[in-house]
Structure formats: C-alpha cells, structure tokens
Amino acid sequence: MVKTQYILSQEMISLLQGKTLVLLQVFDSKHNKVISSAMSWVFATNENTVRFALDSKSYILGLLDDNPHVVLNVIGIESVFSISGMAKIKVRETEGLTLKLGLVDLDVEEVRDINFYGSKITQDPQFIKTYNEKLIEKLDREVENALLNL
C-alpha cells in the first residue's frame, strides 16, 4: 500500500541536505518520453520546497520551461520515496561560481512511499565524487551557499 503525504517530513528534510543520491524525472514532449538524471546537489529548505542545481546548459532546464511537472525519487529512511510537484527555475545561470548552474525550486505537491510491499531498505545508496578533493569541497560549498541563499 502506497503511503501519501503532501509535505516533506522532518526526516525527509534532514535526508535532503546535499549528500543524498536523488533521481530527477521530467517529461520531454518533443520526443514523447521521460528523461531521468541523477543529482546530489538537492536541498529541502522546508516542508514544501526542494531546491536543486543543474548545469546551466542542461537539456532538462529547457524541458522545465515546457512542462514544469517533475518527480524526484529518493532512497533513504528505510524506503523509496517519490516527491512530485512543480519546478520553477529561480536562476537560469549563476554568476560568480566555479560552475555555471541553473537553480530550481520544486514546490512539493505530493510525497509517496513507493517501496514494494513487505520490504524495507537496509542500506542507503552511497557514492563518492571522483574528481579533485579540494575542488569537490569548493564546489559543494559554493552550490550549497547558492541554493540556500536564494
């Protein structure tokens, strides 16, 4: 049975603080298909808003102009969640950051626990960033500051 909420729980807000693997799904009307992308620069700022960053040249930013309905999928808190809502591009291209990024707000409309019946997740996905460690720290700090100070 799917459990549905209309806001993010405190646990979900804590989970979405830039260190979690999040999958983004958007609809590409030109090709009539769903496009997915993996992200980690995803921050829940409150129970109603999730902010994330994409490369400013990302094809996905253009798709959001055509259709702002998106879904984020997250594995954590012993389950799998689907967060859906309307995306708004807040900044199309950042200035003064190492990377040019698009900053997006997702207005949360629905949070669903979509894990299959009779199971729980026993280990959250883990990842490492494989580029220069000093650059990783710099980029993470820049992006977090940009997203949280919108």
C-alpha atoms as a PDB file:
ATOM      1  CA  MET A   1       0.000   0.000   0.000  1.00  0.00           C
ATOM      2  CA  VAL A   2       1.393   3.391  -1.014  1.00  0.00           C
ATOM      3  CA  LYS A   3       1.505   5.996   1.784  1.00  0.00           C
ATOM      4  CA  THR A   4       0.933   9.567   0.635  1.00  0.00           C
ATOM      5  CA  GLN A   5       1.732  12.905   2.298  1.00  0.00           C
ATOM      6  CA  TYR A   6       1.526  16.418   0.940  1.00  0.00           C
ATOM      7  CA  ILE A   7       4.567  17.855   2.694  1.00  0.00           C
ATOM      8  CA  LEU A   8       8.081  16.635   3.499  1.00  0.00           C
ATOM      9  CA  SER A   9       8.563  15.037   6.898  1.00  0.00           C
ATOM     10  CA  GLN A  10      11.328  16.268   9.199  1.00  0.00           C
ATOM     11  CA  GLU A  11      13.229  13.045   8.417  1.00  0.00           C
ATOM     12  CA  MET A  12      12.955  13.756   4.686  1.00  0.00           C
ATOM     13  CA  ILE A  13      14.138  17.356   5.181  1.00  0.00           C
ATOM     14  CA  SER A  14      17.174  16.021   7.094  1.00  0.00           C
ATOM     15  CA  LEU A  15      17.872  13.455   4.376  1.00  0.00           C
ATOM     16  CA  LEU A  16      17.791  16.026   1.566  1.00  0.00           C
ATOM     17  CA  GLN A  17      20.763  18.181   2.550  1.00  0.00           C
ATOM     18  CA  GLY A  18      23.059  17.784  -0.456  1.00  0.00           C
ATOM     19  CA  LYS A  19      24.574  14.397   0.341  1.00  0.00           C
ATOM     20  CA  THR A  20      21.885  12.042  -0.991  1.00  0.00           C
ATOM     21  CA  LEU A  21      21.535  10.465  -4.425  1.00  0.00           C
ATOM     22  CA  VAL A  22      18.330  11.807  -5.983  1.00  0.00           C
ATOM     23  CA  LEU A  23      16.852  10.849  -9.345  1.00  0.00           C
ATOM     24  CA  LEU A  24      15.002  13.547 -11.287  1.00  0.00           C
ATOM     25  CA  GLN A  25      12.349  12.678 -13.887  1.00  0.00           C
ATOM     26  CA  VAL A  26      10.980  15.218 -16.358  1.00  0.00           C
ATOM     27  CA  PHE A  27       8.872  14.838 -19.485  1.00  0.00           C
ATOM     28  CA  ASP A  28      10.359  15.570 -22.909  1.00  0.00           C
ATOM     29  CA  SER A  29       7.329  16.452 -25.043  1.00  0.00           C
ATOM     30  CA  LYS A  30       9.425  16.810 -28.213  1.00  0.00           C
ATOM     31  CA  HIS A  31      10.472  13.148 -28.022  1.00  0.00           C
ATOM     32  CA  ASN A  32       7.403  11.986 -26.058  1.00  0.00           C
ATOM     33  CA  LYS A  33       9.400  10.297 -23.306  1.00  0.00           C
ATOM     34  CA  VAL A  34      10.546  10.687 -19.728  1.00  0.00           C
ATOM     35  CA  ILE A  35      14.126  11.849 -19.109  1.00  0.00           C
ATOM     36  CA  SER A  36      15.974  10.951 -15.896  1.00  0.00           C
ATOM     37  CA  SER A  37      19.033  12.465 -14.284  1.00  0.00           C
ATOM     38  CA  ALA A  38      20.989  11.654 -11.114  1.00  0.00           C
ATOM     39  CA  MET A  39      21.785  14.544  -8.770  1.00  0.00           C
ATOM     40  CA  SER A  40      23.291  15.160  -5.347  1.00  0.00           C
ATOM     41  CA  TRP A  41      23.031  18.948  -5.011  1.00  0.00           C
ATOM     42  CA  VAL A  42      19.494  18.692  -3.650  1.00  0.00           C
ATOM     43  CA  PHE A  43      18.371  20.543  -0.516  1.00  0.00           C
ATOM     44  CA  ALA A  44      14.994  20.550   1.210  1.00  0.00           C
ATOM     45  CA  THR A  45      14.653  24.077   2.563  1.00  0.00           C
ATOM     46  CA  ASN A  46      11.352  23.431   4.358  1.00  0.00           C
ATOM     47  CA  GLU A  47       8.416  21.030   4.261  1.00  0.00           C
ATOM     48  CA  ASN A  48       7.139  22.492   0.978  1.00  0.00           C
ATOM     49  CA  THR A  49      10.287  23.222  -1.047  1.00  0.00           C
ATOM     50  CA  VAL A  50      13.170  21.232  -2.500  1.00  0.00           C
ATOM     51  CA  ARG A  51      15.953  23.144  -4.266  1.00  0.00           C
ATOM     52  CA  PHE A  52      18.392  21.613  -6.698  1.00  0.00           C
ATOM     53  CA  ALA A  53      21.139  22.621  -9.098  1.00  0.00           C
ATOM     54  CA  LEU A  54      21.690  21.567 -12.701  1.00  0.00           C
ATOM     55  CA  ASP A  55      24.347  22.541 -15.199  1.00  0.00           C
ATOM     56  CA  SER A  56      23.101  25.757 -16.827  1.00  0.00           C
ATOM     57  CA  LYS A  57      23.495  24.082 -20.248  1.00  0.00           C
ATOM     58  CA  SER A  58      21.416  21.078 -19.204  1.00  0.00           C
ATOM     59  CA  TYR A  59      18.748  19.975 -21.666  1.00  0.00           C
ATOM     60  CA  ILE A  60      16.494  19.492 -18.637  1.00  0.00           C
ATOM     61  CA  LEU A  61      16.253  23.239 -17.922  1.00  0.00           C
ATOM     62  CA  GLY A  62      14.627  23.723 -21.327  1.00  0.00           C
ATOM     63  CA  LEU A  63      12.234  20.873 -20.622  1.00  0.00           C
ATOM     64  CA  LEU A  64      11.141  22.578 -17.396  1.00  0.00           C
ATOM     65  CA  ASP A  65      10.127  25.623 -19.438  1.00  0.00           C
ATOM     66  CA  ASP A  66       7.771  23.403 -21.476  1.00  0.00           C
ATOM     67  CA  ASN A  67       6.480  21.244 -18.628  1.00  0.00           C
ATOM     68  CA  PRO A  68       7.346  22.059 -15.012  1.00  0.00           C
ATOM     69  CA  HIS A  69       5.842  18.850 -13.555  1.00  0.00           C
ATOM     70  CA  VAL A  70       8.687  16.760 -12.118  1.00  0.00           C
ATOM     71  CA  VAL A  71       9.287  13.784  -9.875  1.00  0.00           C
ATOM     72  CA  LEU A  72      12.255  13.235  -7.565  1.00  0.00           C
ATOM     73  CA  ASN A  73      12.977   9.678  -6.389  1.00  0.00           C
ATOM     74  CA  VAL A  74      14.956   9.182  -3.197  1.00  0.00           C
ATOM     75  CA  ILE A  75      16.134   6.057  -1.389  1.00  0.00           C
ATOM     76  CA  GLY A  76      16.523   6.550   2.349  1.00  0.00           C
ATOM     77  CA  ILE A  77      14.807   6.346   5.716  1.00  0.00           C
ATOM     78  CA  GLU A  78      14.399   2.592   5.070  1.00  0.00           C
ATOM     79  CA  SER A  79      12.245   3.119   1.969  1.00  0.00           C
ATOM     80  CA  VAL A  80      11.912   4.591  -1.521  1.00  0.00           C
ATOM     81  CA  PHE A  81      10.096   7.898  -1.969  1.00  0.00           C
ATOM     82  CA  SER A  82       8.583   9.791  -4.873  1.00  0.00           C
ATOM     83  CA  ILE A  83       8.352  13.572  -4.458  1.00  0.00           C
ATOM     84  CA  SER A  84       6.301  15.289  -7.131  1.00  0.00           C
ATOM     85  CA  GLY A  85       5.435  18.887  -7.812  1.00  0.00           C
ATOM     86  CA  MET A  86       6.005  21.933  -9.949  1.00  0.00           C
ATOM     87  CA  ALA A  87       9.529  23.130 -10.708  1.00  0.00           C
ATOM     88  CA  LYS A  88      10.397  26.810 -11.059  1.00  0.00           C
ATOM     89  CA  ILE A  89      13.725  27.918 -12.475  1.00  0.00           C
ATOM     90  CA  LYS A  90      14.881  30.557  -9.977  1.00  0.00           C
ATOM     91  CA  VAL A  91      18.267  31.273 -11.598  1.00  0.00           C
ATOM     92  CA  ARG A  92      18.960  30.191 -15.174  1.00  0.00           C
ATOM     93  CA  GLU A  93      22.724  30.752 -14.942  1.00  0.00           C
ATOM     94  CA  THR A  94      24.637  31.557 -11.779  1.00  0.00           C
ATOM     95  CA  GLU A  95      27.364  34.166 -11.722  1.00  0.00           C
ATOM     96  CA  GLY A  96      30.486  34.082  -9.598  1.00  0.00           C
ATOM     97  CA  LEU A  97      30.538  30.306  -9.113  1.00  0.00           C
ATOM     98  CA  THR A  98      33.132  27.902 -10.453  1.00  0.00           C
ATOM     99  CA  LEU A  99      30.377  26.172 -12.453  1.00  0.00           C
ATOM    100  CA  LYS A 100      27.530  27.900 -14.266  1.00  0.00           C
ATOM    101  CA  LEU A 101      24.416  26.347 -12.758  1.00  0.00           C
ATOM    102  CA  GLY A 102      20.674  26.614 -13.058  1.00  0.00           C
ATOM    103  CA  LEU A 103      18.958  26.757  -9.655  1.00  0.00           C
ATOM    104  CA  VAL A 104      15.492  25.242  -9.394  1.00  0.00           C
ATOM    105  CA  ASP A 105      12.791  25.196  -6.714  1.00  0.00           C
ATOM    106  CA  LEU A 106      10.364  22.306  -6.550  1.00  0.00           C
ATOM    107  CA  ASP A 107       7.050  23.161  -4.889  1.00  0.00           C
ATOM    108  CA  VAL A 108       6.164  19.867  -3.237  1.00  0.00           C
ATOM    109  CA  GLU A 109       2.655  18.652  -4.062  1.00  0.00           C
ATOM    110  CA  GLU A 110       2.933  15.008  -3.003  1.00  0.00           C
ATOM    111  CA  VAL A 111       5.326  12.685  -1.204  1.00  0.00           C
ATOM    112  CA  ARG A 112       4.698   8.980  -1.692  1.00  0.00           C
ATOM    113  CA  ASP A 113       6.372   5.984  -0.093  1.00  0.00           C
ATOM    114  CA  ILE A 114       6.679   3.750  -3.166  1.00  0.00           C
ATOM    115  CA  ASN A 115       8.684   0.857  -1.757  1.00  0.00           C
ATOM    116  CA  PHE A 116       7.282  -2.534  -2.655  1.00  0.00           C
ATOM    117  CA  TYR A 117       5.085  -4.316  -0.128  1.00  0.00           C
ATOM    118  CA  GLY A 118       6.698  -6.174   2.739  1.00  0.00           C
ATOM    119  CA  SER A 119      10.187  -4.736   2.434  1.00  0.00           C
ATOM    120  CA  LYS A 120      12.444  -2.053   3.808  1.00  0.00           C
ATOM    121  CA  ILE A 121      15.707  -0.614   2.567  1.00  0.00           C
ATOM    122  CA  THR A 122      18.563  -1.833   4.768  1.00  0.00           C
ATOM    123  CA  GLN A 123      21.357   0.267   3.271  1.00  0.00           C
ATOM    124  CA  ASP A 124      21.155   3.687   1.659  1.00  0.00           C
ATOM    125  CA  PRO A 125      22.943   4.226  -1.665  1.00  0.00           C
ATOM    126  CA  GLN A 126      26.450   5.559  -1.233  1.00  0.00           C
ATOM    127  CA  PHE A 127      28.666   7.403  -3.686  1.00  0.00           C
ATOM    128  CA  ILE A 128      31.966   9.215  -3.852  1.00  0.00           C
ATOM    129  CA  LYS A 129      32.872  12.149  -6.034  1.00  0.00           C
ATOM    130  CA  THR A 130      35.887  11.155  -8.092  1.00  0.00           C
ATOM    131  CA  TYR A 131      37.342  14.492  -9.100  1.00  0.00           C
ATOM    132  CA  ASN A 132      39.900  16.622  -7.230  1.00  0.00           C
ATOM    133  CA  GLU A 133      39.131  16.622  -3.478  1.00  0.00           C
ATOM    134  CA  LYS A 134      39.811  20.352  -2.989  1.00  0.00           C
ATOM    135  CA  LEU A 135      37.588  21.150  -5.970  1.00  0.00           C
ATOM    136  CA  ILE A 136      34.854  18.888  -4.541  1.00  0.00           C
ATOM    137  CA  GLU A 137      34.868  20.830  -1.270  1.00  0.00           C
ATOM    138  CA  LYS A 138      34.875  24.180  -3.082  1.00  0.00           C
ATOM    139  CA  LEU A 139      32.039  23.245  -5.454  1.00  0.00           C
ATOM    140  CA  ASP A 140      29.908  21.691  -2.715  1.00  0.00           C
ATOM    141  CA  ARG A 141      30.305  24.794  -0.546  1.00  0.00           C
ATOM    142  CA  GLU A 142      29.548  27.176  -3.453  1.00  0.00           C
ATOM    143  CA  VAL A 143      26.471  25.269  -4.581  1.00  0.00           C
ATOM    144  CA  GLU A 144      25.102  24.829  -1.063  1.00  0.00           C
ATOM    145  CA  ASN A 145      25.507  28.574  -0.398  1.00  0.00           C
ATOM    146  CA  ALA A 146      23.862  29.452  -3.731  1.00  0.00           C
ATOM    147  CA  LEU A 147      20.891  27.148  -3.141  1.00  0.00           C
ATOM    148  CA  LEU A 148      20.311  28.040   0.490  1.00  0.00           C
ATOM    149  CA  ASN A 149      20.682  31.792  -0.042  1.00  0.00           C
ATOM    150  CA  LEU A 150      18.273  32.159  -2.980  1.00  0.00           C
END
